[in-house]
Amino acid sequence: MLRGREKYLRSIVAMVVVISGLMASATVPFTQAGSRSNPRVLPLSAKPYGLTYAQWSAKWFQWGLALPVDGHPFIGCPDPFDAGQSGPVWFLAGQFGTVECSFTVPVGKAVFFPLANAECSSLEDPPFHGDTDAEQRACAKSFADQIDPTSLFCEIDGVPVENLARYRFVSPQFSFTAPTPWIFGPVGGTGTSVGDGYYLLLAPLSKGEHTIRFGSASFGVDSTYHLTVGP
């Protein structure tokens, strides 16, 4: 009886260890984000909430391309600040020129944004037009190749993020629905697109005030976001 009970208890302990290990591995991207030099940036191989960096870049474009032109975050500070935002990850957009914005992000939200990027779609006019996955991919690459990796920059609360050239990703082809007019044309509709560029995904920031500055000198993007994390 004692041996049987001991065997049973050992099996319970083993199950607890396995479950604990699975839970720990699921939370590693948020508790041990990045390297010592980039402690808040999620690792390149991370799949937070089940999606890779490349897949989140597609989600970012789907978010942006669906928004109305008025108050669009691609051309200035988002208005309203939470337009189209939902789910566990909130998006920031880089704008051409120097732009400084302030808004509130709920506690517990990861933050995803491009340093510089490009896309080509079935709804845009040349030279940003492509009908097939291959055409869109080649088109987006041709523009993303013009981004000088050495010109990329990002600071989180004054601390520079290193090795930014490693964070280039190509999205899978994705579908999107744009309003009329939309950010890249006078007539919207449903189309397909592929994006290519440099992105960062941050683990949820602590409650309080944070500043993120990012962009690319070669693309003329210099965006600063003052974020208040909290209700």
Protein backbone atom coordinates (compact mmCIF):
# COMPACT_ATOMS: atom_id res chain seq x y z
CA MET A 1 0.00 0.00 0.00
CA LEU A 2 2.78 2.42 0.90
CA ARG A 3 4.61 1.69 -2.34
CA GLY A 4 1.40 2.18 -4.29
CA ARG A 5 0.70 5.47 -2.57
CA GLU A 6 4.30 6.60 -3.08
CA LYS A 7 4.07 5.78 -6.78
CA TYR A 8 0.81 7.71 -7.02
CA LEU A 9 2.30 10.76 -5.29
CA ARG A 10 5.33 10.69 -7.56
CA SER A 11 3.05 10.67 -10.59
CA ILE A 12 1.19 13.69 -9.25
CA VAL A 13 4.47 15.54 -8.65
CA ALA A 14 5.64 14.68 -12.16
CA MET A 15 2.42 16.04 -13.63
CA VAL A 16 2.79 19.27 -11.67
CA VAL A 17 6.37 19.68 -12.88
CA VAL A 18 5.33 19.14 -16.50
CA ILE A 19 2.43 21.59 -16.26
CA SER A 20 4.63 24.16 -14.51
CA GLY A 21 7.21 23.78 -17.23
CA LEU A 22 4.63 24.33 -19.95
CA MET A 23 3.31 27.42 -18.20
CA ALA A 24 6.81 28.80 -17.78
CA SER A 25 7.64 28.25 -21.44
CA ALA A 26 4.43 30.00 -22.44
CA THR A 27 5.36 33.08 -20.44
CA VAL A 28 9.08 33.23 -21.27
CA PRO A 29 8.62 35.83 -24.05
CA PHE A 30 7.08 38.22 -21.53
CA THR A 31 9.30 37.61 -18.51
CA GLN A 32 12.60 37.16 -20.32
CA ALA A 33 12.08 39.27 -23.42
CA GLY A 34 15.06 39.64 -25.71
CA SER A 35 18.67 39.66 -24.63
CA ARG A 36 20.44 41.58 -21.91
CA SER A 37 20.98 44.41 -24.39
CA ASN A 38 17.31 44.48 -25.46
CA PRO A 39 15.44 43.42 -22.32
CA ARG A 40 11.99 44.63 -23.42
CA VAL A 41 12.04 43.38 -27.01
CA LEU A 42 10.62 39.92 -27.61
CA PRO A 43 13.04 37.41 -29.20
CA LEU A 44 13.07 36.97 -32.97
CA SER A 45 11.78 33.42 -32.60
CA ALA A 46 9.00 34.29 -30.15
CA LYS A 47 5.37 33.48 -30.95
CA PRO A 48 3.44 35.66 -28.52
CA TYR A 49 -0.26 34.84 -28.55
CA GLY A 50 0.45 32.19 -31.16
CA LEU A 51 1.80 34.43 -33.94
CA THR A 52 5.32 35.10 -35.26
CA TYR A 53 6.79 38.53 -35.93
CA ALA A 54 5.97 38.11 -39.64
CA GLN A 55 2.37 37.24 -38.85
CA TRP A 56 2.03 40.19 -36.50
CA SER A 57 3.33 42.44 -39.29
CA ALA A 58 0.40 41.25 -41.42
CA LYS A 59 -1.96 42.03 -38.53
CA TRP A 60 -0.39 45.49 -38.28
CA PHE A 61 -1.10 46.22 -41.94
CA GLN A 62 -4.64 44.85 -41.70
CA TRP A 63 -5.20 47.25 -38.81
CA GLY A 64 -3.77 50.26 -40.61
CA LEU A 65 -5.27 49.69 -44.05
CA ALA A 66 -8.77 49.35 -42.60
CA LEU A 67 -8.79 52.74 -40.85
CA PRO A 68 -10.42 55.88 -42.29
CA VAL A 69 -8.16 58.60 -43.67
CA ASP A 70 -9.28 61.19 -41.10
CA GLY A 71 -7.12 60.78 -38.00
CA HIS A 72 -5.09 58.01 -39.62
CA PRO A 73 -1.98 57.00 -37.62
CA PHE A 74 0.13 56.69 -40.79
CA ILE A 75 -0.04 60.47 -41.33
CA GLY A 76 -0.11 61.89 -37.81
CA CYS A 77 -1.15 61.18 -34.26
CA PRO A 78 -4.03 58.66 -34.20
CA ASP A 79 -7.46 60.17 -33.59
CA PRO A 80 -9.07 58.58 -31.70
CA PHE A 81 -5.98 57.08 -30.09
CA ASP A 82 -7.54 53.62 -29.79
CA ALA A 83 -8.96 53.43 -33.33
CA GLY A 84 -9.05 49.80 -34.44
CA GLN A 85 -7.09 48.62 -31.40
CA SER A 86 -8.18 45.32 -29.86
CA GLY A 87 -6.77 42.10 -28.49
CA PRO A 88 -3.53 41.49 -26.58
CA VAL A 89 -1.27 43.57 -28.87
CA TRP A 90 -1.60 47.28 -29.61
CA PHE A 91 -0.04 48.89 -32.66
CA LEU A 92 1.98 52.05 -33.17
CA ALA A 93 2.65 53.60 -36.56
CA GLY A 94 5.69 55.50 -37.76
CA GLN A 95 5.01 58.66 -39.77
CA PHE A 96 7.15 60.47 -42.32
CA GLY A 97 8.74 63.50 -40.79
CA THR A 98 9.01 64.22 -37.08
CA VAL A 99 5.86 63.42 -35.10
CA GLU A 100 5.26 63.34 -31.35
CA CYS A 101 2.11 61.74 -29.92
CA SER A 102 0.68 60.92 -26.50
CA PHE A 103 -1.98 58.41 -25.54
CA THR A 104 -2.96 55.72 -23.08
CA VAL A 105 -2.37 51.98 -23.47
CA PRO A 106 -4.22 49.53 -21.20
CA VAL A 107 -2.18 47.54 -18.74
CA GLY A 108 -1.04 44.15 -20.03
CA LYS A 109 -0.89 45.01 -23.74
CA ALA A 110 2.16 44.11 -25.82
CA VAL A 111 3.23 46.84 -28.28
CA PHE A 112 4.13 46.24 -31.94
CA PHE A 113 5.47 48.82 -34.39
CA PRO A 114 7.58 49.21 -37.55
CA LEU A 115 10.84 51.11 -37.62
CA ALA A 116 10.42 51.40 -41.39
CA ASN A 117 8.48 49.22 -43.81
CA ALA A 118 6.77 48.91 -47.17
CA GLU A 119 3.91 47.01 -48.75
CA CYS A 120 2.38 46.38 -52.16
CA SER A 121 -1.19 45.38 -52.81
CA SER A 122 -3.78 44.49 -55.41
CA LEU A 123 -5.67 47.77 -54.79
CA GLU A 124 -2.84 50.23 -55.29
CA ASP A 125 -1.63 51.81 -58.50
CA PRO A 126 1.89 51.13 -59.84
CA PRO A 127 4.60 51.11 -58.62
CA PHE A 128 2.92 49.70 -55.49
CA HIS A 129 0.66 47.30 -57.37
CA GLY A 130 0.85 43.51 -57.44
CA ASP A 131 -1.82 40.94 -58.22
CA THR A 132 -0.19 37.74 -57.02
CA ASP A 133 1.69 36.77 -53.88
CA ALA A 134 4.95 36.67 -55.84
CA GLU A 135 4.38 40.08 -57.44
CA GLN A 136 3.47 41.71 -54.14
CA ARG A 137 6.41 40.09 -52.38
CA ALA A 138 8.91 41.26 -55.02
CA CYS A 139 7.41 44.74 -55.05
CA ALA A 140 7.50 45.15 -51.27
CA LYS A 141 11.07 43.83 -51.17
CA SER A 142 12.21 46.36 -53.77
CA PHE A 143 11.08 49.21 -51.52
CA ALA A 144 12.19 47.65 -48.24
CA ASP A 145 15.66 47.09 -49.75
CA GLN A 146 15.96 50.88 -49.92
CA ILE A 147 15.89 51.11 -46.13
CA ASP A 148 19.43 51.53 -44.84
CA PRO A 149 19.65 49.23 -41.78
CA THR A 150 22.30 51.47 -40.26
CA SER A 151 19.82 54.36 -40.26
CA LEU A 152 17.31 52.55 -38.03
CA PHE A 153 16.91 53.71 -34.46
CA CYS A 154 14.77 52.97 -31.44
CA GLU A 155 14.93 54.14 -27.84
CA ILE A 156 12.68 52.87 -25.07
CA ASP A 157 12.68 55.19 -22.07
CA GLY A 158 15.98 56.58 -23.30
CA VAL A 159 17.68 53.18 -23.70
CA PRO A 160 18.74 52.36 -27.29
CA VAL A 161 17.68 49.03 -28.81
CA GLU A 162 20.61 47.24 -30.42
CA ASN A 163 21.04 45.06 -33.53
CA LEU A 164 17.98 46.50 -35.27
CA ALA A 165 19.01 45.10 -38.67
CA ARG A 166 18.10 41.63 -37.39
CA TYR A 167 14.44 42.55 -37.07
CA ARG A 168 13.46 42.48 -40.75
CA PHE A 169 10.42 40.38 -41.57
CA VAL A 170 8.31 39.62 -44.62
CA SER A 171 4.64 39.07 -43.97
CA PRO A 172 2.62 36.24 -45.45
CA GLN A 173 0.16 37.44 -48.08
CA PHE A 174 -2.90 38.73 -46.28
CA SER A 175 -6.37 39.99 -47.16
CA PHE A 176 -7.63 43.38 -46.04
CA THR A 177 -10.66 45.59 -46.46
CA ALA A 178 -10.10 49.32 -47.00
CA PRO A 179 -12.67 52.11 -46.74
CA THR A 180 -13.36 54.63 -49.51
CA PRO A 181 -11.24 56.69 -49.64
CA TRP A 182 -8.42 54.82 -47.97
CA ILE A 183 -4.93 55.72 -46.91
CA PHE A 184 -3.34 54.64 -50.21
CA GLY A 185 -6.03 55.46 -52.73
CA PRO A 186 -9.37 57.11 -53.57
CA VAL A 187 -11.31 53.86 -53.83
CA GLY A 188 -11.17 51.10 -51.25
CA GLY A 189 -12.43 47.54 -51.29
CA THR A 190 -11.10 44.10 -50.47
CA GLY A 191 -7.61 43.24 -51.62
CA THR A 192 -4.46 41.32 -50.87
CA SER A 193 -1.02 42.57 -49.89
CA VAL A 194 2.47 41.61 -48.68
CA GLY A 195 4.57 43.74 -46.35
CA ASP A 196 8.33 43.86 -45.81
CA GLY A 197 10.26 45.82 -43.22
CA TYR A 198 11.74 46.15 -39.75
CA TYR A 199 9.55 45.64 -36.68
CA LEU A 200 9.80 45.40 -32.91
CA LEU A 201 7.44 43.68 -30.51
CA LEU A 202 7.62 44.76 -26.88
CA ALA A 203 6.46 42.82 -23.87
CA PRO A 204 3.73 44.63 -21.91
CA LEU A 205 5.16 47.77 -20.35
CA SER A 206 4.90 48.43 -16.63
CA LYS A 207 2.17 50.72 -15.38
CA GLY A 208 3.13 54.36 -15.61
CA GLU A 209 4.78 56.68 -18.15
CA HIS A 210 6.96 55.46 -21.03
CA THR A 211 8.50 57.05 -24.10
CA ILE A 212 9.29 55.19 -27.31
CA ARG A 213 11.15 56.92 -30.13
CA PHE A 214 11.82 55.08 -33.36
CA GLY A 215 12.29 55.42 -37.09
CA SER A 216 14.76 55.47 -39.95
CA ALA A 217 16.88 58.40 -41.08
CA SER A 218 17.03 57.00 -44.63
CA PHE A 219 13.22 56.83 -44.79
CA GLY A 220 12.68 60.16 -43.05
CA VAL A 221 10.71 58.63 -40.16
CA ASP A 222 11.14 59.98 -36.62
CA SER A 223 8.19 59.11 -34.36
CA THR A 224 7.95 59.62 -30.61
CA TYR A 225 5.15 58.15 -28.52
CA HIS A 226 4.57 59.15 -24.91
CA LEU A 227 2.56 56.26 -23.53
CA THR A 228 0.65 56.17 -20.30
CA VAL A 229 0.14 52.54 -19.34
CA GLY A 230 -2.88 52.19 -17.13
CA PRO A 231 -6.63 52.59 -16.94
